[in-house]
Amino acid sequence: MVGHRAGLLEVSIRVKPNDDEDLETFTARVEREQRKLEDAVRERALTALAAAEQP
């Protein structure tokens, strides 16, 4: 879910456990998905900054 309010970007993910997943495996998968989201947001922000600096 992505929302835009007052110049701020709010980003979240939902990760549901698989039927055969134990807590440790699920937690590791959630952490990977969170890192992927953070990387995507960081890359998008850098792309936007670079575009803003273009004459």
C-alpha atoms as a PDB file:
ATOM      1  CA  MET A   1       0.000   0.000   0.000  1.00  0.00           C
ATOM      2  CA  VAL A   2       1.365   3.395  -0.936  1.00  0.00           C
ATOM      3  CA  GLY A   3      -0.095   6.677   0.201  1.00  0.00           C
ATOM      4  CA  HIS A   4       0.979  10.260  -0.347  1.00  0.00           C
ATOM      5  CA  ARG A   5       0.195  12.892   2.249  1.00  0.00           C
ATOM      6  CA  ALA A   6       1.639  16.360   2.758  1.00  0.00           C
ATOM      7  CA  GLY A   7       4.803  15.579   0.832  1.00  0.00           C
ATOM      8  CA  LEU A   8       5.502  12.401   2.776  1.00  0.00           C
ATOM      9  CA  LEU A   9       5.445   8.942   1.321  1.00  0.00           C
ATOM     10  CA  GLU A  10       4.056   6.107   3.407  1.00  0.00           C
ATOM     11  CA  VAL A  11       4.947   2.620   2.274  1.00  0.00           C
ATOM     12  CA  SER A  12       4.025  -0.705   3.812  1.00  0.00           C
ATOM     13  CA  ILE A  13       3.994  -4.374   2.924  1.00  0.00           C
ATOM     14  CA  ARG A  14       1.962  -7.350   4.011  1.00  0.00           C
ATOM     15  CA  VAL A  15       3.603 -10.725   4.253  1.00  0.00           C
ATOM     16  CA  LYS A  16       1.450 -13.694   5.135  1.00  0.00           C
ATOM     17  CA  PRO A  17       2.985 -16.873   6.505  1.00  0.00           C
ATOM     18  CA  ASN A  18       2.933 -19.930   4.303  1.00  0.00           C
ATOM     19  CA  ASP A  19       1.118 -22.941   5.724  1.00  0.00           C
ATOM     20  CA  ASP A  20       4.316 -24.951   6.174  1.00  0.00           C
ATOM     21  CA  GLU A  21       6.516 -22.109   7.531  1.00  0.00           C
ATOM     22  CA  ASP A  22       7.871 -22.045  11.038  1.00  0.00           C
ATOM     23  CA  LEU A  23       8.329 -18.744  12.859  1.00  0.00           C
ATOM     24  CA  GLU A  24      12.057 -18.495  12.135  1.00  0.00           C
ATOM     25  CA  THR A  25      11.599 -19.021   8.388  1.00  0.00           C
ATOM     26  CA  PHE A  26       8.698 -16.589   8.250  1.00  0.00           C
ATOM     27  CA  THR A  27      10.619 -13.938  10.174  1.00  0.00           C
ATOM     28  CA  ALA A  28      13.608 -14.287   7.835  1.00  0.00           C
ATOM     29  CA  ARG A  29      11.349 -13.940   4.801  1.00  0.00           C
ATOM     30  CA  VAL A  30       9.649 -10.857   6.256  1.00  0.00           C
ATOM     31  CA  GLU A  31      13.044  -9.276   6.936  1.00  0.00           C
ATOM     32  CA  ARG A  32      14.129  -9.948   3.320  1.00  0.00           C
ATOM     33  CA  GLU A  33      10.943  -8.396   1.964  1.00  0.00           C
ATOM     34  CA  GLN A  34      11.407  -5.366   4.236  1.00  0.00           C
ATOM     35  CA  ARG A  35      14.972  -4.877   2.978  1.00  0.00           C
ATOM     36  CA  LYS A  36      13.798  -5.143  -0.630  1.00  0.00           C
ATOM     37  CA  LEU A  37      11.148  -2.492   0.044  1.00  0.00           C
ATOM     38  CA  GLU A  38      13.648  -0.185   1.753  1.00  0.00           C
ATOM     39  CA  ASP A  39      16.087  -0.608  -1.149  1.00  0.00           C
ATOM     40  CA  ALA A  40      13.369   0.193  -3.694  1.00  0.00           C
ATOM     41  CA  VAL A  41      12.315   3.314  -1.785  1.00  0.00           C
ATOM     42  CA  ARG A  42      15.929   4.437  -1.429  1.00  0.00           C
ATOM     43  CA  GLU A  43      16.570   3.889  -5.153  1.00  0.00           C
ATOM     44  CA  ARG A  44      13.393   5.756  -6.076  1.00  0.00           C
ATOM     45  CA  ALA A  45      14.368   8.671  -3.843  1.00  0.00           C
ATOM     46  CA  LEU A  46      17.828   8.855  -5.412  1.00  0.00           C
ATOM     47  CA  THR A  47      16.318   8.717  -8.901  1.00  0.00           C
ATOM     48  CA  ALA A  48      13.932  11.519  -7.999  1.00  0.00           C
ATOM     49  CA  LEU A  49      16.773  13.615  -6.566  1.00  0.00           C
ATOM     50  CA  ALA A  50      18.890  13.095  -9.660  1.00  0.00           C
ATOM     51  CA  ALA A  51      15.968  14.063 -11.905  1.00  0.00           C
ATOM     52  CA  ALA A  52      15.347  17.190  -9.850  1.00  0.00           C
ATOM     53  CA  GLU A  53      18.970  18.252 -10.298  1.00  0.00           C
ATOM     54  CA  GLN A  54      18.742  18.103 -14.115  1.00  0.00           C
ATOM     55  CA  PRO A  55      18.535  21.525 -15.776  1.00  0.00           C
END
